């Protein structure tokens, strides 16, 4: 290959780790994103645990809803993981804490899901602030999808909590909500 070719690869574009200069992500941002991967994986495990709780209570619609939620959280983790790889970062998956496995009622489980989403929103907001501080426009851009997604995540969980509070102890109301949640993903 001729040295003047546009396909010639000059060593001056490589750093010591043989990564393209200008593509790398800061260590601070990398650590935060790897931490968020672990948080998203915990969320997935939490929702699987809730699915099992609902299934044991014969609330198959709630269980179905939570299983879909668990899949979405896994997809969120992979989206961040792939972003780290795309930026020539070293993706690491840390230890994932064991989630709770029992709640007092469907209402307390859904309240826990809502509060968890609020916590995740805070984590995403912290990542956005860090991306701005690090002048990492690529990560900032990727995180905007998560900002919008968290609005939807909180809204969905909050709507279910409000419905559960509205029906109170009425079994027929719980059954109607369960049937509604069973239809998630079938549109």
N, C-alpha and C. Protein backbone atom coordinates (compact mmCIF):
# COMPACT_ATOMS: atom_id res chain seq x y z
N UNK A 1 0.85 -1.17 0.00
CA UNK A 1 0.00 0.00 0.00
C UNK A 1 0.89 1.23 0.00
N UNK A 2 0.57 2.16 -0.84
CA UNK A 2 1.35 3.39 -0.91
C UNK A 2 1.17 4.20 0.35
N UNK A 3 2.22 4.86 0.76
CA UNK A 3 2.14 5.66 1.98
C UNK A 3 1.23 6.87 1.80
N UNK A 4 1.02 7.31 0.57
CA UNK A 4 0.15 8.46 0.33
C UNK A 4 -1.31 8.08 0.24
N UNK A 5 -1.63 6.81 0.32
CA UNK A 5 -3.00 6.33 0.20
C UNK A 5 -3.84 6.80 1.38
N UNK A 6 -5.11 7.05 1.13
CA UNK A 6 -6.00 7.44 2.23
C UNK A 6 -6.21 6.28 3.20
N UNK A 7 -5.83 5.08 2.77
CA UNK A 7 -6.02 3.92 3.62
C UNK A 7 -4.78 3.59 4.45
N UNK A 8 -3.73 4.35 4.25
CA UNK A 8 -2.52 4.13 5.05
C UNK A 8 -2.83 4.50 6.49
N UNK A 9 -2.35 3.71 7.42
CA UNK A 9 -2.63 3.95 8.83
C UNK A 9 -1.36 4.43 9.50
N UNK A 10 -1.36 5.65 9.92
CA UNK A 10 -0.18 6.24 10.52
C UNK A 10 -0.17 5.98 12.02
N UNK A 11 0.95 5.56 12.59
CA UNK A 11 1.04 5.33 14.03
C UNK A 11 0.78 6.58 14.86
N UNK A 12 0.89 7.76 14.25
CA UNK A 12 0.65 8.97 15.05
C UNK A 12 -0.81 9.09 15.50
N UNK A 13 -1.71 8.32 14.88
CA UNK A 13 -3.11 8.37 15.28
C UNK A 13 -3.43 7.39 16.39
N UNK A 14 -2.43 6.66 16.83
CA UNK A 14 -2.65 5.67 17.88
C UNK A 14 -2.03 6.14 19.19
N UNK A 15 -2.68 5.81 20.29
CA UNK A 15 -2.05 6.07 21.58
C UNK A 15 -1.37 4.78 22.04
N UNK A 16 -0.86 4.75 23.23
CA UNK A 16 -0.11 3.60 23.73
C UNK A 16 -0.95 2.33 23.81
N UNK A 17 -2.27 2.47 23.99
CA UNK A 17 -3.13 1.29 24.11
C UNK A 17 -3.69 0.88 22.75
N UNK A 18 -3.18 1.47 21.68
CA UNK A 18 -3.61 1.16 20.33
C UNK A 18 -5.09 1.45 20.11
N UNK A 19 -5.55 2.54 20.66
CA UNK A 19 -6.92 3.00 20.45
C UNK A 19 -6.84 4.29 19.65
N UNK A 20 -7.82 4.53 18.86
CA UNK A 20 -7.82 5.74 18.06
C UNK A 20 -7.92 6.96 18.96
N UNK A 21 -7.07 7.93 18.74
CA UNK A 21 -7.09 9.16 19.51
C UNK A 21 -8.36 9.93 19.15
N UNK A 22 -9.01 10.50 20.14
CA UNK A 22 -10.21 11.28 19.90
C UNK A 22 -11.48 10.48 20.06
N UNK A 23 -11.39 9.18 20.17
CA UNK A 23 -12.56 8.33 20.32
C UNK A 23 -12.74 7.92 21.77
N UNK A 24 -11.67 7.97 22.53
CA UNK A 24 -11.71 7.47 23.90
C UNK A 24 -12.61 8.29 24.80
N UNK A 25 -13.05 7.66 25.82
CA UNK A 25 -13.94 8.24 26.82
C UNK A 25 -13.12 8.46 28.09
N UNK A 26 -13.43 9.49 28.84
CA UNK A 26 -12.66 9.74 30.06
C UNK A 26 -12.89 8.62 31.08
N UNK A 27 -11.91 8.42 31.93
CA UNK A 27 -12.02 7.38 32.95
C UNK A 27 -13.19 7.65 33.89
N UNK A 28 -13.39 8.91 34.23
CA UNK A 28 -14.49 9.27 35.12
C UNK A 28 -15.84 8.92 34.49
N UNK A 29 -16.00 9.25 33.21
CA UNK A 29 -17.24 8.94 32.50
C UNK A 29 -17.39 7.44 32.34
N UNK A 30 -16.29 6.77 32.02
CA UNK A 30 -16.30 5.32 31.87
C UNK A 30 -16.75 4.63 33.14
N UNK A 31 -16.19 5.03 34.27
CA UNK A 31 -16.57 4.43 35.56
C UNK A 31 -18.05 4.65 35.85
N UNK A 32 -18.54 5.85 35.56
CA UNK A 32 -19.95 6.16 35.81
C UNK A 32 -20.86 5.33 34.90
N UNK A 33 -20.49 5.20 33.65
CA UNK A 33 -21.31 4.40 32.72
C UNK A 33 -21.29 2.93 33.09
N UNK A 34 -20.13 2.42 33.47
CA UNK A 34 -20.07 1.02 33.92
C UNK A 34 -20.93 0.82 35.16
N UNK A 35 -20.95 1.81 36.04
CA UNK A 35 -21.83 1.74 37.21
C UNK A 35 -23.29 1.72 36.81
N UNK A 36 -23.63 2.48 35.78
CA UNK A 36 -25.02 2.50 35.32
C UNK A 36 -25.42 1.19 34.67
N UNK A 37 -24.48 0.53 34.00
CA UNK A 37 -24.77 -0.81 33.46
C UNK A 37 -25.18 -1.73 34.61
N UNK A 38 -24.43 -1.69 35.70
CA UNK A 38 -24.77 -2.52 36.86
C UNK A 38 -26.13 -2.13 37.44
N UNK A 39 -26.43 -0.83 37.47
CA UNK A 39 -27.73 -0.37 37.99
C UNK A 39 -28.87 -0.86 37.10
N UNK A 40 -28.68 -0.85 35.79
CA UNK A 40 -29.72 -1.33 34.87
C UNK A 40 -29.90 -2.84 35.01
N UNK A 41 -28.81 -3.56 35.21
CA UNK A 41 -28.92 -5.01 35.42
C UNK A 41 -29.64 -5.31 36.74
N UNK A 42 -29.36 -4.51 37.77
CA UNK A 42 -30.10 -4.68 39.03
C UNK A 42 -31.59 -4.43 38.79
N UNK A 43 -31.91 -3.40 38.01
CA UNK A 43 -33.32 -3.11 37.71
C UNK A 43 -33.98 -4.30 37.03
N UNK A 44 -33.28 -4.90 36.08
CA UNK A 44 -33.82 -6.07 35.40
C UNK A 44 -34.09 -7.20 36.39
N UNK A 45 -33.13 -7.45 37.27
CA UNK A 45 -33.30 -8.49 38.29
C UNK A 45 -34.43 -8.16 39.24
N UNK A 46 -34.55 -6.89 39.61
CA UNK A 46 -35.63 -6.47 40.50
C UNK A 46 -36.99 -6.76 39.86
N UNK A 47 -37.14 -6.42 38.60
CA UNK A 47 -38.42 -6.63 37.93
C UNK A 47 -38.70 -8.11 37.70
N UNK A 48 -37.67 -8.92 37.49
CA UNK A 48 -37.90 -10.37 37.43
C UNK A 48 -38.36 -10.90 38.78
N UNK A 49 -37.78 -10.37 39.85
CA UNK A 49 -38.19 -10.77 41.19
C UNK A 49 -39.65 -10.38 41.44
N UNK A 50 -40.02 -9.18 41.00
CA UNK A 50 -41.41 -8.75 41.13
C UNK A 50 -42.34 -9.62 40.29
N UNK A 51 -41.88 -10.01 39.10
CA UNK A 51 -42.68 -10.89 38.24
C UNK A 51 -42.97 -12.21 38.96
N UNK A 52 -41.96 -12.76 39.62
CA UNK A 52 -42.15 -14.00 40.36
C UNK A 52 -43.11 -13.81 41.52
N UNK A 53 -43.00 -12.66 42.20
CA UNK A 53 -43.91 -12.34 43.31
C UNK A 53 -45.36 -12.28 42.81
N UNK A 54 -45.58 -11.59 41.70
CA UNK A 54 -46.93 -11.47 41.16
C UNK A 54 -47.45 -12.81 40.65
N UNK A 55 -46.58 -13.58 40.04
CA UNK A 55 -46.99 -14.89 39.55
C UNK A 55 -47.44 -15.79 40.71
N UNK A 56 -46.71 -15.74 41.81
CA UNK A 56 -47.06 -16.54 42.98
C UNK A 56 -48.41 -16.11 43.57
N UNK A 57 -48.79 -14.86 43.33
CA UNK A 57 -50.08 -14.34 43.82
C UNK A 57 -51.18 -14.51 42.77
N UNK A 58 -50.90 -15.29 41.71
CA UNK A 58 -51.85 -15.52 40.61
C UNK A 58 -52.26 -14.24 39.90
N UNK A 59 -51.36 -13.29 39.85
CA UNK A 59 -51.59 -12.05 39.10
C UNK A 59 -50.68 -12.09 37.87
N UNK A 60 -51.11 -12.90 36.90
CA UNK A 60 -50.29 -13.16 35.72
C UNK A 60 -50.10 -11.91 34.86
N UNK A 61 -51.07 -11.01 34.84
CA UNK A 61 -50.93 -9.77 34.08
C UNK A 61 -49.83 -8.89 34.65
N UNK A 62 -49.82 -8.75 35.97
CA UNK A 62 -48.76 -7.98 36.64
C UNK A 62 -47.41 -8.65 36.37
N UNK A 63 -47.37 -9.99 36.44
CA UNK A 63 -46.14 -10.72 36.19
C UNK A 63 -45.66 -10.49 34.77
N UNK A 64 -46.57 -10.56 33.82
CA UNK A 64 -46.24 -10.31 32.42
C UNK A 64 -45.66 -8.91 32.24
N UNK A 65 -46.29 -7.92 32.84
CA UNK A 65 -45.84 -6.53 32.74
C UNK A 65 -44.41 -6.40 33.27
N UNK A 66 -44.16 -7.03 34.41
CA UNK A 66 -42.83 -6.96 35.02
C UNK A 66 -41.78 -7.71 34.20
N UNK A 67 -42.16 -8.81 33.57
CA UNK A 67 -41.20 -9.53 32.72
C UNK A 67 -40.80 -8.67 31.53
N UNK A 68 -41.75 -7.98 30.93
CA UNK A 68 -41.42 -7.07 29.84
C UNK A 68 -40.52 -5.95 30.35
N UNK A 69 -40.83 -5.45 31.54
CA UNK A 69 -40.01 -4.40 32.13
C UNK A 69 -38.58 -4.89 32.35
N UNK A 70 -38.44 -6.13 32.81
CA UNK A 70 -37.10 -6.71 33.03
C UNK A 70 -36.32 -6.78 31.72
N UNK A 71 -36.98 -7.18 30.64
CA UNK A 71 -36.33 -7.22 29.33
C UNK A 71 -35.88 -5.82 28.90
N UNK A 72 -36.73 -4.82 29.14
CA UNK A 72 -36.37 -3.45 28.77
C UNK A 72 -35.14 -2.97 29.54
N UNK A 73 -35.08 -3.29 30.81
CA UNK A 73 -33.93 -2.86 31.62
C UNK A 73 -32.65 -3.53 31.15
N UNK A 74 -32.75 -4.79 30.76
CA UNK A 74 -31.58 -5.47 30.20
C UNK A 74 -31.14 -4.78 28.90
N UNK A 75 -32.11 -4.39 28.08
CA UNK A 75 -31.79 -3.67 26.85
C UNK A 75 -31.12 -2.33 27.15
N UNK A 76 -31.55 -1.68 28.23
CA UNK A 76 -30.92 -0.41 28.63
C UNK A 76 -29.46 -0.64 29.00
N UNK A 77 -29.21 -1.71 29.76
CA UNK A 77 -27.83 -2.03 30.15
C UNK A 77 -26.97 -2.27 28.91
N UNK A 78 -27.51 -2.99 27.97
CA UNK A 78 -26.75 -3.30 26.75
C UNK A 78 -26.53 -2.05 25.91
N UNK A 79 -27.46 -1.13 25.90
CA UNK A 79 -27.30 0.12 25.14
C UNK A 79 -26.11 0.91 25.69
N UNK A 80 -26.00 0.99 27.00
CA UNK A 80 -24.87 1.70 27.62
C UNK A 80 -23.58 0.93 27.41
N UNK A 81 -23.63 -0.38 27.59
CA UNK A 81 -22.48 -1.26 27.38
C UNK A 81 -21.92 -1.07 25.98
N UNK A 82 -22.79 -1.08 24.98
CA UNK A 82 -22.36 -0.92 23.59
C UNK A 82 -21.81 0.48 23.34
N UNK A 83 -22.38 1.48 24.00
CA UNK A 83 -21.84 2.84 23.86
C UNK A 83 -20.40 2.89 24.37
N UNK A 84 -20.15 2.26 25.50
CA UNK A 84 -18.79 2.23 26.05
C UNK A 84 -17.84 1.56 25.05
N UNK A 85 -18.26 0.45 24.49
CA UNK A 85 -17.42 -0.24 23.51
C UNK A 85 -17.21 0.61 22.26
N UNK A 86 -18.27 1.26 21.80
CA UNK A 86 -18.15 2.11 20.62
C UNK A 86 -17.18 3.26 20.84
N UNK A 87 -17.03 3.68 22.09
CA UNK A 87 -16.13 4.79 22.42
C UNK A 87 -14.74 4.30 22.81
N UNK A 88 -14.46 3.05 22.52
CA UNK A 88 -13.17 2.42 22.82
C UNK A 88 -12.88 2.33 24.32
N UNK A 89 -13.93 2.30 25.09
CA UNK A 89 -13.78 2.13 26.54
C UNK A 89 -13.78 0.67 26.92
N UNK A 90 -13.38 0.41 28.13
CA UNK A 90 -13.37 -0.96 28.66
C UNK A 90 -14.63 -1.15 29.48
N UNK A 91 -15.58 -1.88 28.91
CA UNK A 91 -16.83 -2.16 29.61
C UNK A 91 -16.57 -3.20 30.70
N UNK A 92 -17.12 -2.93 31.86
CA UNK A 92 -16.98 -3.85 32.99
C UNK A 92 -18.34 -4.03 33.63
N UNK A 93 -18.65 -5.25 33.97
CA UNK A 93 -19.90 -5.55 34.66
C UNK A 93 -19.55 -5.92 36.09
N UNK A 94 -19.94 -5.06 37.02
CA UNK A 94 -19.65 -5.30 38.43
C UNK A 94 -20.68 -6.22 39.06
N UNK A 95 -20.49 -6.47 40.32
CA UNK A 95 -21.41 -7.32 41.07
C UNK A 95 -22.80 -6.68 41.11
N UNK A 96 -23.80 -7.52 41.03
CA UNK A 96 -25.18 -7.06 41.06
C UNK A 96 -25.79 -7.55 42.38
N UNK A 97 -26.30 -6.61 43.16
CA UNK A 97 -26.91 -6.97 44.44
C UNK A 97 -28.18 -7.79 44.23
N UNK A 98 -28.48 -8.63 45.19
CA UNK A 98 -29.72 -9.41 45.13
C UNK A 98 -30.91 -8.50 45.42
N UNK A 99 -31.94 -8.55 44.58
CA UNK A 99 -33.11 -7.69 44.81
C UNK A 99 -34.02 -8.31 45.87
N UNK A 100 -34.92 -7.50 46.41
CA UNK A 100 -35.94 -8.07 47.32
C UNK A 100 -36.78 -9.10 46.55
N UNK A 101 -37.47 -9.95 47.26
CA UNK A 101 -38.27 -10.97 46.58
C UNK A 101 -39.71 -11.04 47.08
N UNK A 102 -40.04 -10.18 48.04
CA UNK A 102 -41.39 -10.23 48.60
C UNK A 102 -41.84 -8.82 48.99
N UNK A 103 -43.13 -8.57 48.81
CA UNK A 103 -43.73 -7.29 49.17
C UNK A 103 -45.03 -7.58 49.89
N UNK A 104 -45.54 -6.61 50.61
CA UNK A 104 -46.76 -6.80 51.39
C UNK A 104 -48.00 -6.97 50.51
N UNK A 105 -47.98 -6.33 49.35
CA UNK A 105 -49.17 -6.33 48.50
C UNK A 105 -48.78 -5.91 47.09
N UNK A 106 -49.68 -6.07 46.14
CA UNK A 106 -49.41 -5.55 44.79
C UNK A 106 -49.11 -4.04 44.82
N UNK A 107 -49.83 -3.31 45.67
CA UNK A 107 -49.61 -1.87 45.76
C UNK A 107 -48.19 -1.56 46.24
N UNK A 108 -47.73 -2.22 47.29
CA UNK A 108 -46.38 -1.92 47.79
C UNK A 108 -45.31 -2.32 46.78
N UNK A 109 -45.57 -3.38 46.02
CA UNK A 109 -44.61 -3.77 44.98
C UNK A 109 -44.54 -2.70 43.90
N UNK A 110 -45.69 -2.22 43.47
CA UNK A 110 -45.71 -1.20 42.41
C UNK A 110 -45.17 0.14 42.93
N UNK A 111 -45.43 0.45 44.18
CA UNK A 111 -44.83 1.67 44.75
C UNK A 111 -43.31 1.55 44.77
N UNK A 112 -42.81 0.35 45.10
CA UNK A 112 -41.36 0.12 45.09
C UNK A 112 -40.81 0.27 43.67
N UNK A 113 -41.55 -0.22 42.68
CA UNK A 113 -41.12 -0.08 41.28
C UNK A 113 -41.08 1.40 40.90
N UNK A 114 -42.10 2.14 41.28
CA UNK A 114 -42.12 3.58 40.96
C UNK A 114 -40.94 4.30 41.62
N UNK A 115 -40.74 4.06 42.90
CA UNK A 115 -39.62 4.71 43.61
C UNK A 115 -38.27 4.31 43.02
N UNK A 116 -38.19 3.07 42.55
CA UNK A 116 -36.95 2.64 41.91
C UNK A 116 -36.72 3.42 40.63
N UNK A 117 -37.76 3.63 39.85
CA UNK A 117 -37.62 4.41 38.61
C UNK A 117 -37.22 5.86 38.91
N UNK A 118 -37.75 6.42 39.99
CA UNK A 118 -37.35 7.77 40.38
C UNK A 118 -35.85 7.79 40.70
N UNK A 119 -35.39 6.75 41.39
CA UNK A 119 -33.96 6.66 41.71
C UNK A 119 -33.12 6.55 40.43
N UNK A 120 -33.57 5.74 39.49
CA UNK A 120 -32.84 5.58 38.23
C UNK A 120 -32.81 6.90 37.47
N UNK A 121 -33.90 7.64 37.51
CA UNK A 121 -33.94 8.95 36.87
C UNK A 121 -32.84 9.84 37.44
N UNK A 122 -32.67 9.81 38.75
CA UNK A 122 -31.60 10.58 39.40
C UNK A 122 -30.23 10.15 38.92
N UNK A 123 -30.04 8.84 38.76
CA UNK A 123 -28.76 8.33 38.26
C UNK A 123 -28.49 8.82 36.83
N UNK A 124 -29.53 8.78 36.01
CA UNK A 124 -29.38 9.25 34.62
C UNK A 124 -29.07 10.75 34.61
N UNK A 125 -29.77 11.51 35.43
CA UNK A 125 -29.51 12.95 35.50
C UNK A 125 -28.07 13.23 35.93
N UNK A 126 -27.56 12.44 36.86
CA UNK A 126 -26.16 12.59 37.28
C UNK A 126 -25.20 12.29 36.13
N UNK A 127 -25.53 11.29 35.33
CA UNK A 127 -24.69 10.97 34.17
C UNK A 127 -24.70 12.10 33.15
N UNK A 128 -25.87 12.69 32.94
CA UNK A 128 -25.98 13.82 32.01
C UNK A 128 -25.10 14.97 32.50
N UNK A 129 -25.19 15.28 33.79
CA UNK A 129 -24.39 16.37 34.35
C UNK A 129 -22.90 16.08 34.20
N UNK A 130 -22.50 14.83 34.41
CA UNK A 130 -21.10 14.46 34.26
C UNK A 130 -20.66 14.58 32.79
N UNK A 131 -21.51 14.15 31.87
CA UNK A 131 -21.18 14.26 30.45
C UNK A 131 -20.96 15.72 30.06
N UNK A 132 -21.79 16.61 30.61
CA UNK A 132 -21.61 18.04 30.33
C UNK A 132 -20.28 18.52 30.92
N UNK A 133 -20.02 18.15 32.17
CA UNK A 133 -18.78 18.58 32.83
C UNK A 133 -17.54 18.04 32.12
N UNK A 134 -17.64 16.83 31.58
CA UNK A 134 -16.51 16.20 30.88
C UNK A 134 -16.44 16.62 29.41
N UNK A 135 -17.40 17.43 28.99
CA UNK A 135 -17.49 17.85 27.58
C UNK A 135 -17.54 16.65 26.65
N UNK A 136 -18.30 15.65 27.07
CA UNK A 136 -18.46 14.41 26.32
C UNK A 136 -19.79 14.46 25.59
N UNK A 137 -19.77 15.09 24.43
CA UNK A 137 -21.00 15.30 23.67
C UNK A 137 -21.62 14.01 23.16
N UNK A 138 -20.81 13.04 22.82
CA UNK A 138 -21.35 11.77 22.34
C UNK A 138 -22.14 11.06 23.43
N UNK A 139 -21.59 11.03 24.63
CA UNK A 139 -22.32 10.40 25.74
C UNK A 139 -23.53 11.23 26.11
N UNK A 140 -23.39 12.54 26.11
CA UNK A 140 -24.54 13.42 26.39
C UNK A 140 -25.67 13.11 25.41
N UNK A 141 -25.33 12.99 24.14
CA UNK A 141 -26.34 12.70 23.12
C UNK A 141 -27.00 11.35 23.37
N UNK A 142 -26.22 10.32 23.65
CA UNK A 142 -26.77 8.99 23.93
C UNK A 142 -27.70 9.02 25.14
N UNK A 143 -27.32 9.79 26.15
CA UNK A 143 -28.11 9.83 27.39
C UNK A 143 -29.46 10.53 27.21
N UNK A 144 -29.60 11.34 26.19
CA UNK A 144 -30.89 12.02 25.97
C UNK A 144 -32.00 11.01 25.73
N UNK A 145 -31.68 9.88 25.11
CA UNK A 145 -32.67 8.82 24.94
C UNK A 145 -33.14 8.32 26.32
N UNK A 146 -32.19 8.16 27.24
CA UNK A 146 -32.53 7.68 28.58
C UNK A 146 -33.35 8.71 29.35
N UNK A 147 -33.07 9.98 29.16
CA UNK A 147 -33.84 11.04 29.83
C UNK A 147 -35.30 10.91 29.43
N UNK A 148 -35.56 10.79 28.13
CA UNK A 148 -36.94 10.64 27.65
C UNK A 148 -37.55 9.33 28.12
N UNK A 149 -36.77 8.28 28.11
CA UNK A 149 -37.26 6.97 28.54
C UNK A 149 -37.68 6.98 30.01
N UNK A 150 -36.92 7.67 30.85
CA UNK A 150 -37.26 7.71 32.27
C UNK A 150 -38.57 8.44 32.54
N UNK A 151 -38.88 9.44 31.73
CA UNK A 151 -40.18 10.10 31.87
C UNK A 151 -41.29 9.07 31.68
N UNK A 152 -41.15 8.25 30.64
CA UNK A 152 -42.14 7.21 30.35
C UNK A 152 -42.17 6.13 31.44
N UNK A 153 -40.99 5.72 31.90
CA UNK A 153 -40.92 4.68 32.94
C UNK A 153 -41.62 5.12 34.23
N UNK A 154 -41.33 6.35 34.66
CA UNK A 154 -41.98 6.86 35.87
C UNK A 154 -43.49 6.98 35.66
N UNK A 155 -43.89 7.50 34.52
CA UNK A 155 -45.32 7.69 34.23
C UNK A 155 -46.07 6.37 34.29
N UNK A 156 -45.55 5.33 33.65
CA UNK A 156 -46.23 4.03 33.63
C UNK A 156 -46.39 3.45 35.03
N UNK A 157 -45.32 3.46 35.80
CA UNK A 157 -45.40 2.91 37.15
C UNK A 157 -46.34 3.73 38.02
N UNK A 158 -46.28 5.05 37.90
CA UNK A 158 -47.15 5.92 38.69
C UNK A 158 -48.62 5.70 38.35
N UNK A 159 -48.93 5.50 37.08
CA UNK A 159 -50.32 5.25 36.68
C UNK A 159 -50.86 3.97 37.31
N UNK A 160 -50.03 2.94 37.36
CA UNK A 160 -50.47 1.68 37.98
C UNK A 160 -50.67 1.86 39.47
N UNK A 161 -49.76 2.58 40.12
CA UNK A 161 -49.91 2.86 41.55
C UNK A 161 -51.21 3.59 41.81
N UNK A 162 -51.50 4.61 41.02
CA UNK A 162 -52.74 5.38 41.20
C UNK A 162 -53.97 4.51 41.01
N UNK A 163 -53.95 3.63 40.03
CA UNK A 163 -55.09 2.73 39.82
C UNK A 163 -55.27 1.78 41.01
N UNK A 164 -54.16 1.25 41.51
CA UNK A 164 -54.24 0.35 42.67
C UNK A 164 -54.79 1.08 43.89
N UNK A 165 -54.39 2.32 44.09
CA UNK A 165 -54.91 3.10 45.21
C UNK A 165 -56.40 3.37 45.02
N UNK A 166 -56.80 3.60 43.79
CA UNK A 166 -58.20 3.88 43.48
C UNK A 166 -59.10 2.69 43.78
N UNK A 167 -58.66 1.47 43.42
CA UNK A 167 -59.49 0.28 43.66
C UNK A 167 -59.41 -0.21 45.09
N UNK A 168 -58.37 0.18 45.81
CA UNK A 168 -58.24 -0.23 47.21
C UNK A 168 -58.24 -1.73 47.38
N UNK A 169 -59.07 -2.21 48.29
CA UNK A 169 -59.13 -3.65 48.60
C UNK A 169 -60.12 -4.42 47.74
N UNK A 170 -60.65 -3.80 46.72
CA UNK A 170 -61.65 -4.46 45.88
C UNK A 170 -60.96 -5.41 44.91
N UNK A 171 -61.25 -6.70 45.09
CA UNK A 171 -60.62 -7.72 44.24
C UNK A 171 -60.97 -7.54 42.78
N UNK A 172 -62.21 -7.13 42.50
CA UNK A 172 -62.62 -6.99 41.11
C UNK A 172 -61.78 -5.91 40.41
N UNK A 173 -61.45 -4.86 41.11
CA UNK A 173 -60.60 -3.81 40.55
C UNK A 173 -59.20 -4.33 40.26
N UNK A 174 -58.66 -5.13 41.16
CA UNK A 174 -57.33 -5.71 40.98
C UNK A 174 -57.33 -6.63 39.75
N UNK A 175 -58.41 -7.39 39.57
CA UNK A 175 -58.52 -8.30 38.43
C UNK A 175 -58.56 -7.51 37.12
N UNK A 176 -59.29 -6.40 37.11
CA UNK A 176 -59.37 -5.56 35.91
C UNK A 176 -57.99 -5.00 35.57
N UNK A 177 -57.26 -4.51 36.57
CA UNK A 177 -55.91 -3.99 36.33
C UNK A 177 -54.99 -5.11 35.84
N UNK A 178 -55.11 -6.28 36.45
CA UNK A 178 -54.29 -7.42 36.04
C UNK A 178 -54.54 -7.77 34.57
N UNK A 179 -55.80 -7.77 34.16
CA UNK A 179 -56.14 -8.07 32.76
C UNK A 179 -55.58 -7.00 31.83
N UNK A 180 -55.63 -5.74 32.26
CA UNK A 180 -55.08 -4.64 31.46
C UNK A 180 -53.57 -4.80 31.28
N UNK A 181 -52.87 -5.14 32.35
CA UNK A 181 -51.42 -5.29 32.29
C UNK A 181 -51.01 -6.50 31.45
N UNK A 182 -51.87 -7.51 31.39
CA UNK A 182 -51.59 -8.70 30.58
C UNK A 182 -51.53 -8.36 29.09
N UNK A 183 -52.14 -7.26 28.69
CA UNK A 183 -52.16 -6.86 27.28
C UNK A 183 -50.93 -6.07 26.87
N UNK A 184 -50.06 -5.75 27.80
CA UNK A 184 -48.86 -4.98 27.44
C UNK A 184 -48.06 -5.71 26.37
N UNK A 185 -47.72 -4.96 25.34
CA UNK A 185 -46.92 -5.54 24.27
C UNK A 185 -47.72 -6.21 23.19
N UNK A 186 -49.05 -6.26 23.33
CA UNK A 186 -49.86 -6.93 22.33
C UNK A 186 -50.53 -5.97 21.36
N UNK A 187 -50.14 -4.69 21.40
CA UNK A 187 -50.74 -3.69 20.50
C UNK A 187 -50.10 -3.75 19.15
